[in-house]
Amino acid sequence: MIKKQIPNCITLANLLCGTLSIYFLYVSDSLILPSVFILMGAVFDFCDGLTARLLKVTSAIGKELDSLADVVTFGLAPSLITVEVLKDSLLANHYSLFIANILCLIPMFMTLMSAYRLANFNVDERQTVNFIGLPTPANALLWLSLPVLSYLSHQKIHLWGIYQQDIYASLVDILLNPWFIIVFSIIMGVMLVAPIEMFSFKFKNFKWQDNKVKFIFLAICILLIFALNCFAIPFIVLMYIIISLISNFTKKWNLEQK
């Protein structure tokens, strides 16, 4: 039936976005367009599962196809963007081209961990409600934000929020520091496969008691976006990890008290 293939077509649109991101990474002079395609892929990634549930046509092949698409869009594509950002940063800091080319291989670790994380997701029955390990779209969001924030900082574009150009420039300097990128790409790669429970955004209802962690996170996101606009992206990903860790600690503590 055609209805059964609608979610799969949306998943393939996600895969196409990841492929186009990689294509434009090497044929365009800017990293912005590749980043935009990853964002578009994230939209399709959200819609394919939602559409499958609404149409009640979930299938095993759809789950496998979704993971294959995510490896490209949220694993390979953002890793390659990070490679290019790191290479530019290393050369700007006067590292030799030979050293830069070697160090630039390190962010590809995230591609390997993304593939492992997504393969494990398909066989891990614990991940029906929440995630185990950092979701690949969250990791991708962090890294695709780097060229976007760099562009906004250099263009001195005035956006809504608490506009402090010097603060934004300082933040970009930290995020684009080559050793920050190298160390953090390793940390985030480990987080992808770490046995840590991360909350998902699947709402079975909208009751506060059942969704308070999600509501708190969404409220923090709104505040960060209002205060920092696009520069809030790295902080949002960081807050997602922190709130997940706090939630895990709270659950364990409550169980120990019973």
Protein backbone atom coordinates (compact mmCIF):
# COMPACT_ATOMS: atom_id res chain seq x y z
CA MET A 1 0.00 0.00 0.00
CA ILE A 2 1.08 3.55 -0.77
CA LYS A 3 0.24 4.64 2.79
CA LYS A 4 2.89 2.30 4.19
CA GLN A 5 5.59 3.92 2.07
CA ILE A 6 4.87 7.53 3.12
CA PRO A 7 7.05 7.40 6.29
CA ASN A 8 9.80 5.64 4.32
CA CYS A 9 9.73 8.39 1.69
CA ILE A 10 10.14 10.97 4.43
CA THR A 11 13.08 8.98 5.81
CA LEU A 12 14.62 8.94 2.34
CA ALA A 13 14.21 12.72 2.25
CA ASN A 14 16.26 12.80 5.45
CA LEU A 15 18.93 10.68 3.76
CA LEU A 16 18.87 12.98 0.71
CA CYS A 17 19.46 15.99 2.96
CA GLY A 18 22.48 14.29 4.52
CA THR A 19 23.83 13.41 1.08
CA LEU A 20 23.31 16.97 -0.19
CA SER A 21 25.02 18.31 2.92
CA ILE A 22 28.13 16.30 2.07
CA TYR A 23 27.90 17.26 -1.61
CA PHE A 24 27.68 21.00 -0.96
CA LEU A 25 30.39 20.75 1.67
CA TYR A 26 32.86 20.20 -1.17
CA VAL A 27 31.36 22.19 -4.05
CA SER A 28 30.45 25.39 -2.21
CA ASP A 29 32.69 27.95 -0.52
CA SER A 30 30.54 28.11 2.61
CA LEU A 31 29.74 25.66 5.40
CA ILE A 32 26.36 27.26 5.97
CA LEU A 33 24.47 25.40 3.25
CA PRO A 34 25.71 21.96 4.38
CA SER A 35 24.61 22.86 7.92
CA VAL A 36 21.18 23.92 6.69
CA PHE A 37 20.69 20.58 4.95
CA ILE A 38 21.41 18.76 8.21
CA LEU A 39 18.77 20.90 9.92
CA MET A 40 16.32 20.00 7.16
CA GLY A 41 17.21 16.35 7.66
CA ALA A 42 16.39 16.72 11.36
CA VAL A 43 12.92 17.97 10.44
CA PHE A 44 12.33 14.97 8.19
CA ASP A 45 13.72 12.67 10.90
CA PHE A 46 11.14 14.01 13.34
CA CYS A 47 8.31 13.78 10.81
CA ASP A 48 8.90 10.22 9.60
CA GLY A 49 8.32 8.64 13.01
CA LEU A 50 5.41 10.95 13.74
CA THR A 51 3.82 10.14 10.39
CA ALA A 52 4.29 6.40 10.92
CA ARG A 53 2.55 6.59 14.30
CA LEU A 54 -0.30 8.70 12.97
CA LEU A 55 -0.84 6.39 10.01
CA LYS A 56 -0.21 3.32 12.19
CA VAL A 57 2.18 1.87 9.64
CA THR A 58 5.34 1.34 11.70
CA SER A 59 7.54 -1.42 10.32
CA ALA A 60 10.88 -3.14 10.89
CA ILE A 61 12.24 -1.92 7.56
CA GLY A 62 11.27 1.64 8.46
CA LYS A 63 13.30 1.40 11.66
CA GLU A 64 16.35 0.07 9.81
CA LEU A 65 16.03 2.66 7.06
CA ASP A 66 15.79 5.44 9.64
CA SER A 67 19.06 4.37 11.25
CA LEU A 68 20.82 4.14 7.89
CA ALA A 69 19.67 7.65 7.01
CA ASP A 70 20.72 8.98 10.42
CA VAL A 71 24.24 7.58 10.03
CA VAL A 72 24.69 9.81 6.99
CA THR A 73 22.78 12.91 8.09
CA PHE A 74 23.71 12.99 11.78
CA GLY A 75 26.90 10.93 11.77
CA LEU A 76 29.00 11.38 8.65
CA ALA A 77 27.83 14.83 7.48
CA PRO A 78 28.38 16.73 10.79
CA SER A 79 31.69 14.91 11.31
CA LEU A 80 32.90 16.11 7.90
CA ILE A 81 31.76 19.66 8.69
CA THR A 82 33.73 19.44 11.94
CA VAL A 83 36.76 18.22 9.98
CA GLU A 84 36.59 21.29 7.74
CA VAL A 85 36.10 23.65 10.69
CA LEU A 86 39.01 22.05 12.53
CA LYS A 87 41.26 22.21 9.48
CA ASP A 88 40.56 25.93 8.99
CA SER A 89 41.19 26.54 12.69
CA LEU A 90 44.48 24.64 12.69
CA LEU A 91 45.76 26.45 9.61
CA ALA A 92 44.68 29.80 11.08
CA ASN A 93 46.75 28.93 14.16
CA HIS A 94 49.79 28.28 11.94
CA TYR A 95 49.89 24.49 12.14
CA SER A 96 51.50 22.86 9.13
CA LEU A 97 49.23 21.34 6.49
CA PHE A 98 50.68 17.89 7.25
CA ILE A 99 49.86 18.12 10.98
CA ALA A 100 46.45 19.65 10.23
CA ASN A 101 45.53 16.78 7.90
CA ILE A 102 46.41 14.23 10.59
CA LEU A 103 44.60 15.97 13.44
CA CYS A 104 41.54 16.46 11.23
CA LEU A 105 40.95 12.71 11.26
CA ILE A 106 40.02 12.80 14.96
CA PRO A 107 36.42 14.12 14.54
CA MET A 108 35.69 11.12 12.29
CA PHE A 109 35.59 9.16 15.57
CA MET A 110 32.07 10.58 15.92
CA THR A 111 31.02 8.91 12.67
CA LEU A 112 32.11 5.52 14.00
CA MET A 113 30.36 6.02 17.33
CA SER A 114 27.22 7.29 15.58
CA ALA A 115 27.07 4.12 13.49
CA TYR A 116 27.55 1.94 16.56
CA ARG A 117 24.99 3.93 18.54
CA LEU A 118 22.34 3.64 15.81
CA ALA A 119 22.95 -0.08 15.26
CA ASN A 120 22.65 -0.66 19.01
CA PHE A 121 19.45 1.39 19.12
CA ASN A 122 17.73 -1.09 16.80
CA VAL A 123 18.43 -4.07 19.04
CA ASP A 124 18.32 -2.44 22.49
CA GLU A 125 14.85 -2.96 23.94
CA ARG A 126 15.56 -0.46 26.75
CA GLN A 127 15.27 2.46 24.32
CA THR A 128 11.54 2.32 23.66
CA VAL A 129 10.83 5.36 25.88
CA ASN A 130 14.14 7.11 26.48
CA PHE A 131 17.55 6.92 24.84
CA ILE A 132 20.70 5.22 26.06
CA GLY A 133 23.56 7.47 25.03
CA LEU A 134 23.44 10.86 23.37
CA PRO A 135 21.08 10.90 20.34
CA THR A 136 22.89 11.54 17.06
CA PRO A 137 20.72 14.57 16.10
CA ALA A 138 21.72 16.32 19.35
CA ASN A 139 25.40 15.74 18.63
CA ALA A 140 24.95 16.90 15.02
CA LEU A 141 23.20 20.07 16.18
CA LEU A 142 26.21 21.05 18.28
CA TRP A 143 28.73 20.68 15.47
CA LEU A 144 26.71 22.21 12.67
CA SER A 145 26.26 25.28 14.88
CA LEU A 146 29.99 26.08 14.71
CA PRO A 147 30.11 27.43 11.14
CA VAL A 148 26.76 29.16 11.63
CA LEU A 149 27.91 30.96 14.79
CA SER A 150 31.22 31.83 13.18
CA TYR A 151 29.40 33.36 10.21
CA LEU A 152 27.06 35.38 12.41
CA SER A 153 29.95 36.60 14.54
CA HIS A 154 32.03 37.76 11.59
CA GLN A 155 29.07 39.37 9.85
CA LYS A 156 28.15 41.18 13.09
CA ILE A 157 24.48 40.46 12.39
CA HIS A 158 22.20 41.98 15.00
CA LEU A 159 19.73 39.38 16.24
CA TRP A 160 17.09 39.44 18.92
CA GLY A 161 18.07 38.80 22.51
CA ILE A 162 20.72 40.24 24.75
CA TYR A 163 23.08 41.45 22.06
CA GLN A 164 26.68 41.54 23.25
CA GLN A 165 28.94 41.26 20.22
CA ASP A 166 32.11 40.95 22.31
CA ILE A 167 30.63 38.08 24.31
CA TYR A 168 29.53 36.29 21.13
CA ALA A 169 32.97 36.76 19.57
CA SER A 170 34.63 35.35 22.69
CA LEU A 171 32.29 32.35 22.64
CA VAL A 172 33.09 31.67 18.99
CA ASP A 173 36.83 31.92 19.73
CA ILE A 174 36.44 29.20 22.37
CA LEU A 175 34.28 26.95 20.19
CA LEU A 176 36.65 27.29 17.22
CA ASN A 177 39.80 26.68 19.22
CA PRO A 178 41.36 23.63 17.54
CA TRP A 179 42.10 21.78 20.77
CA PHE A 180 38.60 22.44 22.07
CA ILE A 181 37.22 20.84 18.88
CA ILE A 182 39.60 17.88 19.11
CA VAL A 183 38.97 17.10 22.78
CA PHE A 184 35.23 17.79 22.64
CA SER A 185 34.73 15.66 19.51
CA ILE A 186 36.24 12.72 21.42
CA ILE A 187 34.06 13.42 24.46
CA MET A 188 30.91 13.68 22.36
CA GLY A 189 31.82 10.51 20.48
CA VAL A 190 32.04 8.68 23.80
CA MET A 191 28.74 10.23 24.92
CA LEU A 192 27.04 8.73 21.87
CA VAL A 193 27.67 5.22 23.15
CA ALA A 194 27.84 5.86 26.89
CA PRO A 195 25.39 3.76 28.97
CA ILE A 196 23.63 6.89 30.19
CA GLU A 197 19.88 7.34 29.91
CA MET A 198 18.83 10.48 28.01
CA PHE A 199 15.24 11.63 27.96
CA SER A 200 13.33 11.68 24.67
CA PHE A 201 10.64 14.05 23.43
CA LYS A 202 7.97 11.41 22.95
CA PHE A 203 4.83 12.68 24.71
CA LYS A 204 2.24 10.05 25.68
CA ASN A 205 0.30 12.83 27.46
CA PHE A 206 0.91 16.38 28.56
CA LYS A 207 0.65 15.92 32.31
CA TRP A 208 3.26 17.76 34.36
CA GLN A 209 4.11 14.74 36.53
CA ASP A 210 4.84 12.55 33.52
CA ASN A 211 6.73 15.17 31.51
CA LYS A 212 8.27 17.58 34.01
CA VAL A 213 11.84 16.96 32.81
CA LYS A 214 10.82 17.75 29.23
CA PHE A 215 8.86 20.85 30.25
CA ILE A 216 11.76 22.16 32.34
CA PHE A 217 14.15 21.61 29.46
CA LEU A 218 11.84 23.34 26.97
CA ALA A 219 11.48 26.31 29.34
CA ILE A 220 15.27 26.60 29.64
CA CYS A 221 15.57 26.39 25.84
CA ILE A 222 13.14 29.27 25.39
CA LEU A 223 15.04 31.39 27.90
CA LEU A 224 18.39 30.62 26.26
CA ILE A 225 17.09 31.38 22.78
CA PHE A 226 15.55 34.65 24.01
CA ALA A 227 18.83 35.64 25.65
CA LEU A 228 21.36 34.35 23.14
CA ASN A 229 19.38 33.61 19.92
CA CYS A 230 21.41 31.28 17.66
CA PHE A 231 24.31 31.35 20.09
CA ALA A 232 22.15 29.35 22.49
CA ILE A 233 22.58 26.14 20.45
CA PRO A 234 25.73 24.79 22.18
CA PHE A 235 24.24 25.61 25.58
CA ILE A 236 20.98 23.83 24.70
CA VAL A 237 22.86 20.63 23.83
CA LEU A 238 24.91 20.96 27.02
CA MET A 239 21.76 21.52 29.11
CA TYR A 240 20.16 18.44 27.52
CA ILE A 241 23.07 16.33 28.76
CA ILE A 242 23.14 17.96 32.22
CA ILE A 243 19.38 17.65 32.79
CA SER A 244 19.48 14.01 31.67
CA LEU A 245 22.28 13.30 34.17
CA ILE A 246 20.41 15.10 36.96
CA SER A 247 17.23 13.19 36.11
CA ASN A 248 19.12 9.88 36.26
CA PHE A 249 20.65 10.78 39.62
CA THR A 250 17.25 11.79 40.99
CA LYS A 251 15.63 8.53 39.85
CA LYS A 252 18.37 6.45 41.46
CA TRP A 253 18.19 8.47 44.66
CA ASN A 254 14.39 8.05 44.85
CA LEU A 255 14.71 4.30 44.33
CA GLU A 256 17.31 4.04 47.08
CA GLN A 257 14.99 5.90 49.48
CA LYS A 258 12.15 3.43 48.94
